[in-house]
C-alpha atoms as a PDB file:
ATOM      1  CA  MET A   1      10.010 -11.838   0.139  1.00  0.00           C
ATOM      2  CA  ILE A   2       8.619 -14.544  -1.146  1.00  0.00           C
ATOM      3  CA  ASN A   3       5.487 -13.855  -2.229  1.00  0.00           C
ATOM      4  CA  ASP A   4       7.176 -10.851  -4.003  1.00  0.00           C
ATOM      5  CA  LEU A   5       7.723 -10.477  -7.810  1.00  0.00           C
ATOM      6  CA  HIS A   6      10.408  -8.548  -9.268  1.00  0.00           C
ATOM      7  CA  TRP A   7      11.959  -8.139 -12.775  1.00  0.00           C
ATOM      8  CA  TYR A   8      14.557  -6.739 -13.970  1.00  0.00           C
ATOM      9  CA  MET A   9      15.635  -7.024 -17.750  1.00  0.00           C
ATOM     10  CA  LEU A  10      19.159  -5.746 -18.812  1.00  0.00           C
ATOM     11  CA  PRO A  11      18.763  -2.287 -21.096  1.00  0.00           C
ATOM     12  CA  ARG A  12      20.067  -4.347 -24.509  1.00  0.00           C
ATOM     13  CA  PHE A  13      16.967  -6.553 -24.274  1.00  0.00           C
ATOM     14  CA  ARG A  14      14.450  -4.585 -22.870  1.00  0.00           C
ATOM     15  CA  LYS A  15      11.912  -3.481 -25.459  1.00  0.00           C
ATOM     16  CA  LYS A  16      11.658  -6.677 -27.011  1.00  0.00           C
ATOM     17  CA  GLY A  17       8.440  -8.113 -25.439  1.00  0.00           C
ATOM     18  CA  TYR A  18      11.189 -11.237 -23.255  1.00  0.00           C
ATOM     19  CA  LEU A  19      10.079 -10.358 -20.586  1.00  0.00           C
ATOM     20  CA  SER A  20       6.184 -10.342 -21.706  1.00  0.00           C
ATOM     21  CA  LYS A  21       6.810 -13.727 -22.980  1.00  0.00           C
ATOM     22  CA  SER A  22       8.916 -15.694 -19.723  1.00  0.00           C
ATOM     23  CA  LEU A  23       6.377 -14.044 -16.973  1.00  0.00           C
ATOM     24  CA  LYS A  24       3.130 -15.070 -19.575  1.00  0.00           C
ATOM     25  CA  SER A  25       3.981 -18.491 -20.767  1.00  0.00           C
ATOM     26  CA  THR A  26       6.855 -19.479 -18.230  1.00  0.00           C
ATOM     27  CA  ILE A  27       6.631 -17.279 -14.543  1.00  0.00           C
ATOM     28  CA  LEU A  28       3.793 -16.853 -13.844  1.00  0.00           C
ATOM     29  CA  PRO A  29       1.849 -19.741 -14.146  1.00  0.00           C
ATOM     30  CA  TYR A  30       4.306 -21.604 -12.049  1.00  0.00           C
ATOM     31  CA  LEU A  31       3.530 -19.369  -9.628  1.00  0.00           C
ATOM     32  CA  PHE A  32       0.248 -19.821  -9.693  1.00  0.00           C
ATOM     33  CA  TYR A  33       0.573 -23.979  -8.712  1.00  0.00           C
ATOM     34  CA  GLU A  34       0.624 -22.513  -5.911  1.00  0.00           C
ATOM     35  CA  ARG A  35      -1.082 -19.118  -5.454  1.00  0.00           C
ATOM     36  CA  GLU A  36      -4.136 -18.382  -5.768  1.00  0.00           C
ATOM     37  CA  GLU A  37      -3.210 -13.998  -6.518  1.00  0.00           C
ATOM     38  CA  GLN A  38       0.221 -12.526  -7.345  1.00  0.00           C
ATOM     39  CA  GLU A  39       0.829  -8.741  -6.059  1.00  0.00           C
ATOM     40  CA  ILE A  40       3.462  -6.138  -6.890  1.00  0.00           C
ATOM     41  CA  SER A  41       3.909  -3.131  -6.761  1.00  0.00           C
ATOM     42  CA  ILE A  42       5.790  -0.644  -9.641  1.00  0.00           C
ATOM     43  CA  ASP A  43       7.581   2.514  -7.458  1.00  0.00           C
ATOM     44  CA  ILE A  44       8.352   5.429  -9.287  1.00  0.00           C
ATOM     45  CA  LYS A  45      10.324   6.967  -6.749  1.00  0.00           C
ATOM     46  CA  LYS A  46      13.124   3.068  -6.669  1.00  0.00           C
ATOM     47  CA  ILE A  47      12.667   3.239 -10.466  1.00  0.00           C
ATOM     48  CA  GLY A  48      12.833   6.267 -12.093  1.00  0.00           C
ATOM     49  CA  GLU A  49       9.677   7.341 -14.299  1.00  0.00           C
ATOM     50  CA  ARG A  50      11.087   5.440 -17.878  1.00  0.00           C
ATOM     51  CA  ASN A  51      11.065   2.264 -15.813  1.00  0.00           C
ATOM     52  CA  TYR A  52       7.717   3.539 -13.976  1.00  0.00           C
ATOM     53  CA  TYR A  53       6.247   4.053 -16.985  1.00  0.00           C
ATOM     54  CA  SER A  54       7.815   0.591 -19.241  1.00  0.00           C
ATOM     55  CA  SER A  55       6.547  -1.900 -16.208  1.00  0.00           C
ATOM     56  CA  LYS A  56       2.776  -0.489 -15.788  1.00  0.00           C
ATOM     57  CA  ARG A  57       2.980  -1.150 -19.730  1.00  0.00           C
ATOM     58  CA  VAL A  58       4.096  -5.148 -18.948  1.00  0.00           C
ATOM     59  CA  ALA A  59       1.626  -5.515 -15.529  1.00  0.00           C
ATOM     60  CA  GLU A  60      -1.270  -4.457 -17.692  1.00  0.00           C
ATOM     61  CA  LEU A  61      -0.406  -6.484 -20.031  1.00  0.00           C
ATOM     62  CA  LEU A  62      -0.331  -8.963 -18.284  1.00  0.00           C
ATOM     63  CA  GLY A  63      -4.248  -8.404 -17.458  1.00  0.00           C
ATOM     64  CA  PHE A  64      -2.132  -7.554 -13.325  1.00  0.00           C
ATOM     65  CA  LYS A  65      -5.273  -5.193 -11.905  1.00  0.00           C
ATOM     66  CA  LYS A  66      -4.548  -1.721 -10.022  1.00  0.00           C
ATOM     67  CA  ILE A  67      -5.438  -2.037  -6.680  1.00  0.00           C
ATOM     68  CA  GLU A  68      -4.809   0.857  -4.510  1.00  0.00           C
ATOM     69  CA  THR A  69      -2.348   3.949  -5.338  1.00  0.00           C
ATOM     70  CA  GLY A  70       0.495   5.652  -3.366  1.00  0.00           C
ATOM     71  CA  GLN A  71       2.850   9.350  -2.740  1.00  0.00           C
ATOM     72  CA  GLN A  72       4.810   7.498  -5.650  1.00  0.00           C
ATOM     73  CA  LYS A  73       3.880   4.477  -5.814  1.00  0.00           C
ATOM     74  CA  GLU A  74       0.292   2.064  -7.342  1.00  0.00           C
ATOM     75  CA  PHE A  75       0.049  -1.717  -6.426  1.00  0.00           C
ATOM     76  CA  PHE A  76      -1.886  -4.434  -9.062  1.00  0.00           C
ATOM     77  CA  ILE A  77      -3.021  -7.963  -7.990  1.00  0.00           C
ATOM     78  CA  LEU A  78      -3.195 -10.709 -10.935  1.00  0.00           C
ATOM     79  CA  LEU A  79      -5.912 -13.279  -9.798  1.00  0.00           C
ATOM     80  CA  ASN A  80      -5.141 -17.000 -10.778  1.00  0.00           C
ATOM     81  CA  PRO A  81      -7.306 -17.645 -13.547  1.00  0.00           C
ATOM     82  CA  HIS A  82      -7.449 -21.317 -12.421  1.00  0.00           C
ATOM     83  CA  CYS A  83      -9.648 -20.550  -9.442  1.00  0.00           C
ATOM     84  CA  SER A  84     -12.610 -19.387  -9.039  1.00  0.00           C
END
């Protein structure tokens, strides 16, 4: 799980922009000190339809691009903007 990125927000903090802001300003820049890319997967079967669409929206707002679609699961990648 060294390269995995997981996120979870308590229900009372959802839909307030906290996750997107934290990922964009702190978490992703920190990860990109040592990485050229970050991959994620979003699995509707594991997190449910509502959380699936919310997570997908967060990923897309942060610039993650879909690279593969599996059964009930989508894979996304974000490239380090500081690497050529």
